[in-house]
PDB file of all heavy atoms in Angstrom:
ATOM      1  N   MET A   1      95.974  93.162 113.304  1.00  0.00           N
ATOM      2  CA  MET A   1      97.021  92.379 112.639  1.00  0.00           C
ATOM      3  C   MET A   1      97.332  91.112 113.435  1.00  0.00           C
ATOM      4  O   MET A   1      97.369  90.013 112.881  1.00  0.00           O
ATOM      5  CB  MET A   1      98.287  93.224 112.480  1.00  0.00           C
ATOM      6  CG  MET A   1      99.452  92.522 111.793  1.00  0.00           C
ATOM      7  SD  MET A   1     100.561  91.526 112.852  1.00  0.00           S
ATOM      8  CE  MET A   1     101.094  92.681 114.071  1.00  0.00           C
ATOM      9  N   ALA A   2      97.535  91.252 114.737  1.00  0.00           N
ATOM     10  CA  ALA A   2      97.878  90.099 115.573  1.00  0.00           C
ATOM     11  C   ALA A   2      96.746  89.075 115.580  1.00  0.00           C
ATOM     12  O   ALA A   2      96.986  87.866 115.505  1.00  0.00           O
ATOM     13  CB  ALA A   2      98.212  90.558 116.983  1.00  0.00           C
ATOM     14  N   GLN A   3      95.516  89.558 115.639  1.00  0.00           N
ATOM     15  CA  GLN A   3      94.374  88.647 115.614  1.00  0.00           C
ATOM     16  C   GLN A   3      94.290  87.909 114.283  1.00  0.00           C
ATOM     17  O   GLN A   3      93.997  86.703 114.251  1.00  0.00           O
ATOM     18  CB  GLN A   3      93.074  89.410 115.892  1.00  0.00           C
ATOM     19  CG  GLN A   3      92.974  89.881 117.326  1.00  0.00           C
ATOM     20  CD  GLN A   3      91.794  90.814 117.584  1.00  0.00           C
ATOM     21  OE1 GLN A   3      91.209  91.382 116.653  1.00  0.00           O
ATOM     22  NE2 GLN A   3      91.436  90.973 118.855  1.00  0.00           N
ATOM     23  N   GLU A   4      94.564  88.606 113.193  1.00  0.00           N
ATOM     24  CA  GLU A   4      94.555  87.979 111.874  1.00  0.00           C
ATOM     25  C   GLU A   4      95.632  86.893 111.782  1.00  0.00           C
ATOM     26  O   GLU A   4      95.385  85.800 111.265  1.00  0.00           O
ATOM     27  CB  GLU A   4      94.773  89.026 110.776  1.00  0.00           C
ATOM     28  CG  GLU A   4      93.607  89.982 110.585  1.00  0.00           C
ATOM     29  CD  GLU A   4      92.375  89.304 110.044  1.00  0.00           C
ATOM     30  OE1 GLU A   4      92.457  88.651 108.984  1.00  0.00           O
ATOM     31  OE2 GLU A   4      91.316  89.420 110.693  1.00  0.00           O
ATOM     32  N   VAL A   5      96.820  87.199 112.285  1.00  0.00           N
ATOM     33  CA  VAL A   5      97.922  86.239 112.221  1.00  0.00           C
ATOM     34  C   VAL A   5      97.646  85.050 113.137  1.00  0.00           C
ATOM     35  O   VAL A   5      97.785  83.890 112.731  1.00  0.00           O
ATOM     36  CB  VAL A   5      99.267  86.919 112.577  1.00  0.00           C
ATOM     37  CG1 VAL A   5     100.381  85.888 112.731  1.00  0.00           C
ATOM     38  CG2 VAL A   5      99.632  87.946 111.502  1.00  0.00           C
ATOM     39  N   LEU A   6      97.254  85.314 114.383  1.00  0.00           N
ATOM     40  CA  LEU A   6      97.018  84.221 115.329  1.00  0.00           C
ATOM     41  C   LEU A   6      95.848  83.325 114.920  1.00  0.00           C
ATOM     42  O   LEU A   6      95.831  82.139 115.237  1.00  0.00           O
ATOM     43  CB  LEU A   6      96.793  84.779 116.736  1.00  0.00           C
ATOM     44  CG  LEU A   6      98.033  85.378 117.400  1.00  0.00           C
ATOM     45  CD1 LEU A   6      97.661  86.106 118.677  1.00  0.00           C
ATOM     46  CD2 LEU A   6      99.091  84.307 117.662  1.00  0.00           C
ATOM     47  N   SER A   7      94.891  83.890 114.211  1.00  0.00           N
ATOM     48  CA  SER A   7      93.741  83.094 113.761  1.00  0.00           C
ATOM     49  C   SER A   7      94.072  82.284 112.517  1.00  0.00           C
ATOM     50  O   SER A   7      93.310  81.400 112.139  1.00  0.00           O
ATOM     51  CB  SER A   7      92.553  84.000 113.468  1.00  0.00           C
ATOM     52  OG  SER A   7      92.797  84.748 112.288  1.00  0.00           O
ATOM     53  N   GLY A   8      95.185  82.613 111.864  1.00  0.00           N
ATOM     54  CA  GLY A   8      95.558  81.906 110.643  1.00  0.00           C
ATOM     55  C   GLY A   8      94.960  82.496 109.379  1.00  0.00           C
ATOM     56  O   GLY A   8      95.149  81.959 108.298  1.00  0.00           O
ATOM     57  N   ARG A   9      94.235  83.607 109.506  1.00  0.00           N
ATOM     58  CA  ARG A   9      93.645  84.222 108.315  1.00  0.00           C
ATOM     59  C   ARG A   9      94.686  84.946 107.473  1.00  0.00           C
ATOM     60  O   ARG A   9      94.456  85.233 106.306  1.00  0.00           O
ATOM     61  CB  ARG A   9      92.527  85.189 108.719  1.00  0.00           C
ATOM     62  CG  ARG A   9      91.291  84.482 109.260  1.00  0.00           C
ATOM     63  CD  ARG A   9      90.160  85.434 109.523  1.00  0.00           C
ATOM     64  NE  ARG A   9      90.460  86.409 110.547  1.00  0.00           N
ATOM     65  CZ  ARG A   9      90.179  86.268 111.848  1.00  0.00           C
ATOM     66  NH1 ARG A   9      89.586  85.175 112.272  1.00  0.00           N
ATOM     67  NH2 ARG A   9      90.479  87.219 112.712  1.00  0.00           N
ATOM     68  N   MET A  10      95.849  85.246 108.080  1.00  0.00           N
ATOM     69  CA  MET A  10      96.900  85.973 107.378  1.00  0.00           C
ATOM     70  C   MET A  10      98.251  85.521 107.934  1.00  0.00           C
ATOM     71  O   MET A  10      98.398  85.345 109.145  1.00  0.00           O
ATOM     72  CB  MET A  10      96.708  87.479 107.613  1.00  0.00           C
ATOM     73  CG  MET A  10      97.749  88.356 106.949  1.00  0.00           C
ATOM     74  SD  MET A  10      97.427  90.120 107.256  1.00  0.00           S
ATOM     75  CE  MET A  10      96.066  90.401 106.143  1.00  0.00           C
ATOM     76  N   GLY A  11      99.224  85.343 107.065  1.00  0.00           N
ATOM     77  CA  GLY A  11     100.562  85.011 107.506  1.00  0.00           C
ATOM     78  C   GLY A  11     101.273  86.252 108.036  1.00  0.00           C
ATOM     79  O   GLY A  11     100.927  87.382 107.673  1.00  0.00           O
ATOM     80  N   LEU A  12     102.259  86.063 108.891  1.00  0.00           N
ATOM     81  CA  LEU A  12     102.979  87.189 109.476  1.00  0.00           C
ATOM     82  C   LEU A  12     103.712  87.999 108.417  1.00  0.00           C
ATOM     83  O   LEU A  12     103.690  89.232 108.444  1.00  0.00           O
ATOM     84  CB  LEU A  12     103.946  86.708 110.557  1.00  0.00           C
ATOM     85  CG  LEU A  12     104.648  87.774 111.377  1.00  0.00           C
ATOM     86  CD1 LEU A  12     103.641  88.720 112.036  1.00  0.00           C
ATOM     87  CD2 LEU A  12     105.525  87.131 112.447  1.00  0.00           C
ATOM     88  N   ARG A  13     104.324  87.338 107.457  1.00  0.00           N
ATOM     89  CA  ARG A  13     105.008  88.064 106.377  1.00  0.00           C
ATOM     90  C   ARG A  13     104.013  88.883 105.559  1.00  0.00           C
ATOM     91  O   ARG A  13     104.290  90.010 105.171  1.00  0.00           O
ATOM     92  CB  ARG A  13     105.769  87.101 105.479  1.00  0.00           C
ATOM     93  CG  ARG A  13     106.975  86.491 106.142  1.00  0.00           C
ATOM     94  CD  ARG A  13     107.743  85.624 105.155  1.00  0.00           C
ATOM     95  NE  ARG A  13     108.749  84.840 105.810  1.00  0.00           N
ATOM     96  CZ  ARG A  13     109.971  85.276 106.124  1.00  0.00           C
ATOM     97  NH1 ARG A  13     110.306  86.512 105.832  1.00  0.00           N
ATOM     98  NH2 ARG A  13     110.833  84.499 106.720  1.00  0.00           N
ATOM     99  N   GLU A  14     102.877  88.303 105.299  1.00  0.00           N
ATOM    100  CA  GLU A  14     101.819  88.997 104.560  1.00  0.00           C
ATOM    101  C   GLU A  14     101.352  90.231 105.339  1.00  0.00           C
ATOM    102  O   GLU A  14     101.180  91.318 104.788  1.00  0.00           O
ATOM    103  CB  GLU A  14     100.664  88.036 104.330  1.00  0.00           C
ATOM    104  CG  GLU A  14      99.532  88.558 103.517  1.00  0.00           C
ATOM    105  CD  GLU A  14      98.410  87.536 103.371  1.00  0.00           C
ATOM    106  OE1 GLU A  14      98.517  86.406 103.886  1.00  0.00           O
ATOM    107  OE2 GLU A  14      97.419  87.907 102.734  1.00  0.00           O
ATOM    108  N   ALA A  15     101.159  90.064 106.651  1.00  0.00           N
ATOM    109  CA  ALA A  15     100.699  91.169 107.499  1.00  0.00           C
ATOM    110  C   ALA A  15     101.709  92.313 107.519  1.00  0.00           C
ATOM    111  O   ALA A  15     101.334  93.483 107.555  1.00  0.00           O
ATOM    112  CB  ALA A  15     100.439  90.671 108.915  1.00  0.00           C
ATOM    113  N   ALA A  16     102.988  91.983 107.456  1.00  0.00           N
ATOM    114  CA  ALA A  16     104.023  93.016 107.476  1.00  0.00           C
ATOM    115  C   ALA A  16     103.967  93.909 106.246  1.00  0.00           C
ATOM    116  O   ALA A  16     104.473  95.034 106.265  1.00  0.00           O
ATOM    117  CB  ALA A  16     105.402  92.365 107.594  1.00  0.00           C
ATOM    118  N   ASN A  17     103.336  93.415 105.194  1.00  0.00           N
ATOM    119  CA  ASN A  17     103.219  94.189 103.955  1.00  0.00           C
ATOM    120  C   ASN A  17     101.970  95.060 103.894  1.00  0.00           C
ATOM    121  O   ASN A  17     101.763  95.772 102.916  1.00  0.00           O
ATOM    122  CB  ASN A  17     103.261  93.252 102.743  1.00  0.00           C
ATOM    123  CG  ASN A  17     104.638  92.656 102.554  1.00  0.00           C
ATOM    124  OD1 ASN A  17     105.648  93.319 102.750  1.00  0.00           O
ATOM    125  ND2 ASN A  17     104.673  91.388 102.199  1.00  0.00           N
ATOM    126  N   VAL A  18     101.139  95.013 104.915  1.00  0.00           N
ATOM    127  CA  VAL A  18      99.939  95.854 104.964  1.00  0.00           C
ATOM    128  C   VAL A  18     100.353  97.203 105.541  1.00  0.00           C
ATOM    129  O   VAL A  18     100.828  97.291 106.671  1.00  0.00           O
ATOM    130  CB  VAL A  18      98.829  95.198 105.811  1.00  0.00           C
ATOM    131  CG1 VAL A  18      97.633  96.125 105.976  1.00  0.00           C
ATOM    132  CG2 VAL A  18      98.420  93.863 105.199  1.00  0.00           C
ATOM    133  N   SER A  19     100.171  98.255 104.766  1.00  0.00           N
ATOM    134  CA  SER A  19     100.691  99.568 105.168  1.00  0.00           C
ATOM    135  C   SER A  19     100.121 100.070 106.489  1.00  0.00           C
ATOM    136  O   SER A  19     100.852 100.653 107.292  1.00  0.00           O
ATOM    137  CB  SER A  19     100.464 100.599 104.060  1.00  0.00           C
ATOM    138  OG  SER A  19      99.081 100.763 103.816  1.00  0.00           O
ATOM    139  N   ALA A  20      98.847  99.847 106.756  1.00  0.00           N
ATOM    140  CA  ALA A  20      98.260 100.320 108.019  1.00  0.00           C
ATOM    141  C   ALA A  20      98.935  99.648 109.212  1.00  0.00           C
ATOM    142  O   ALA A  20      99.190 100.290 110.242  1.00  0.00           O
ATOM    143  CB  ALA A  20      96.759 100.050 108.046  1.00  0.00           C
ATOM    144  N   TYR A  21      99.239  98.369 109.080  1.00  0.00           N
ATOM    145  CA  TYR A  21      99.908  97.652 110.163  1.00  0.00           C
ATOM    146  C   TYR A  21     101.346  98.135 110.320  1.00  0.00           C
ATOM    147  O   TYR A  21     101.826  98.372 111.426  1.00  0.00           O
ATOM    148  CB  TYR A  21      99.899  96.147 109.905  1.00  0.00           C
ATOM    149  CG  TYR A  21      98.536  95.510 109.782  1.00  0.00           C
ATOM    150  CD1 TYR A  21      98.390  94.302 109.114  1.00  0.00           C
ATOM    151  CD2 TYR A  21      97.391  96.086 110.327  1.00  0.00           C
ATOM    152  CE1 TYR A  21      97.150  93.675 108.994  1.00  0.00           C
ATOM    153  CE2 TYR A  21      96.147  95.483 110.213  1.00  0.00           C
ATOM    154  CZ  TYR A  21      96.038  94.274 109.547  1.00  0.00           C
ATOM    155  OH  TYR A  21      94.816  93.660 109.433  1.00  0.00           O
ATOM    156  N   ALA A  22     102.030  98.270 109.197  1.00  0.00           N
ATOM    157  CA  ALA A  22     103.429  98.701 109.229  1.00  0.00           C
ATOM    158  C   ALA A  22     103.567 100.105 109.809  1.00  0.00           C
ATOM    159  O   ALA A  22     104.469 100.370 110.611  1.00  0.00           O
ATOM    160  CB  ALA A  22     104.024  98.641 107.830  1.00  0.00           C
ATOM    161  N   GLU A  23     102.661 100.981 109.429  1.00  0.00           N
ATOM    162  CA  GLU A  23     102.729 102.358 109.942  1.00  0.00           C
ATOM    163  C   GLU A  23     102.555 102.398 111.455  1.00  0.00           C
ATOM    164  O   GLU A  23     103.279 103.101 112.154  1.00  0.00           O
ATOM    165  CB  GLU A  23     101.660 103.219 109.259  1.00  0.00           C
ATOM    166  CG  GLU A  23     101.979 103.530 107.814  1.00  0.00           C
ATOM    167  CD  GLU A  23     100.805 104.147 107.064  1.00  0.00           C
ATOM    168  OE1 GLU A  23      99.792 104.526 107.702  1.00  0.00           O
ATOM    169  OE2 GLU A  23     100.908 104.241 105.826  1.00  0.00           O
ATOM    170  N   GLN A  24     101.602 101.640 111.975  1.00  0.00           N
ATOM    171  CA  GLN A  24     101.404 101.648 113.421  1.00  0.00           C
ATOM    172  C   GLN A  24     102.569 100.961 114.133  1.00  0.00           C
ATOM    173  O   GLN A  24     102.960 101.379 115.210  1.00  0.00           O
ATOM    174  CB  GLN A  24     100.077 101.015 113.829  1.00  0.00           C
ATOM    175  CG  GLN A  24      99.780 101.272 115.306  1.00  0.00           C
ATOM    176  CD  GLN A  24      98.347 101.032 115.684  1.00  0.00           C
ATOM    177  OE1 GLN A  24      97.674 100.190 115.103  1.00  0.00           O
ATOM    178  NE2 GLN A  24      97.877 101.773 116.672  1.00  0.00           N
ATOM    179  N   ALA A  25     103.143  99.945 113.520  1.00  0.00           N
ATOM    180  CA  ALA A  25     104.302  99.284 114.128  1.00  0.00           C
ATOM    181  C   ALA A  25     105.469 100.259 114.240  1.00  0.00           C
ATOM    182  O   ALA A  25     106.140 100.330 115.276  1.00  0.00           O
ATOM    183  CB  ALA A  25     104.702  98.057 113.306  1.00  0.00           C
ATOM    184  N   VAL A  26     105.715 101.022 113.183  1.00  0.00           N
ATOM    185  CA  VAL A  26     106.783 102.024 113.204  1.00  0.00           C
ATOM    186  C   VAL A  26     106.494 103.085 114.265  1.00  0.00           C
ATOM    187  O   VAL A  26     107.374 103.473 115.036  1.00  0.00           O
ATOM    188  CB  VAL A  26     106.975 102.663 111.805  1.00  0.00           C
ATOM    189  CG1 VAL A  26     107.883 103.872 111.867  1.00  0.00           C
ATOM    190  CG2 VAL A  26     107.519 101.627 110.825  1.00  0.00           C
ATOM    191  N   GLU A  27     105.250 103.534 114.318  1.00  0.00           N
ATOM    192  CA  GLU A  27     104.854 104.545 115.299  1.00  0.00           C
ATOM    193  C   GLU A  27     105.063 104.036 116.728  1.00  0.00           C
ATOM    194  O   GLU A  27     105.581 104.758 117.582  1.00  0.00           O
ATOM    195  CB  GLU A  27     103.376 104.887 115.084  1.00  0.00           C
ATOM    196  CG  GLU A  27     102.838 105.958 115.995  1.00  0.00           C
ATOM    197  CD  GLU A  27     101.368 106.223 115.712  1.00  0.00           C
ATOM    198  OE1 GLU A  27     101.017 106.470 114.540  1.00  0.00           O
ATOM    199  OE2 GLU A  27     100.584 106.171 116.681  1.00  0.00           O
ATOM    200  N   GLN A  28     104.675 102.783 116.977  1.00  0.00           N
ATOM    201  CA  GLN A  28     104.817 102.208 118.319  1.00  0.00           C
ATOM    202  C   GLN A  28     106.284 101.948 118.673  1.00  0.00           C
ATOM    203  O   GLN A  28     106.661 101.997 119.846  1.00  0.00           O
ATOM    204  CB  GLN A  28     104.021 100.900 118.428  1.00  0.00           C
ATOM    205  CG  GLN A  28     102.529 101.088 118.351  1.00  0.00           C
ATOM    206  CD  GLN A  28     101.983 101.811 119.567  1.00  0.00           C
ATOM    207  OE1 GLN A  28     102.398 101.583 120.697  1.00  0.00           O
ATOM    208  NE2 GLN A  28     101.053 102.720 119.337  1.00  0.00           N
TER     209      GLN A  28
END
């Protein structure tokens, strides 16, 4: 997720809506 956002391939708000990313963020 961070690599996608930092590279500009995905916006941070968009990344927050990806369930795999959100689940790991909650877990961490």
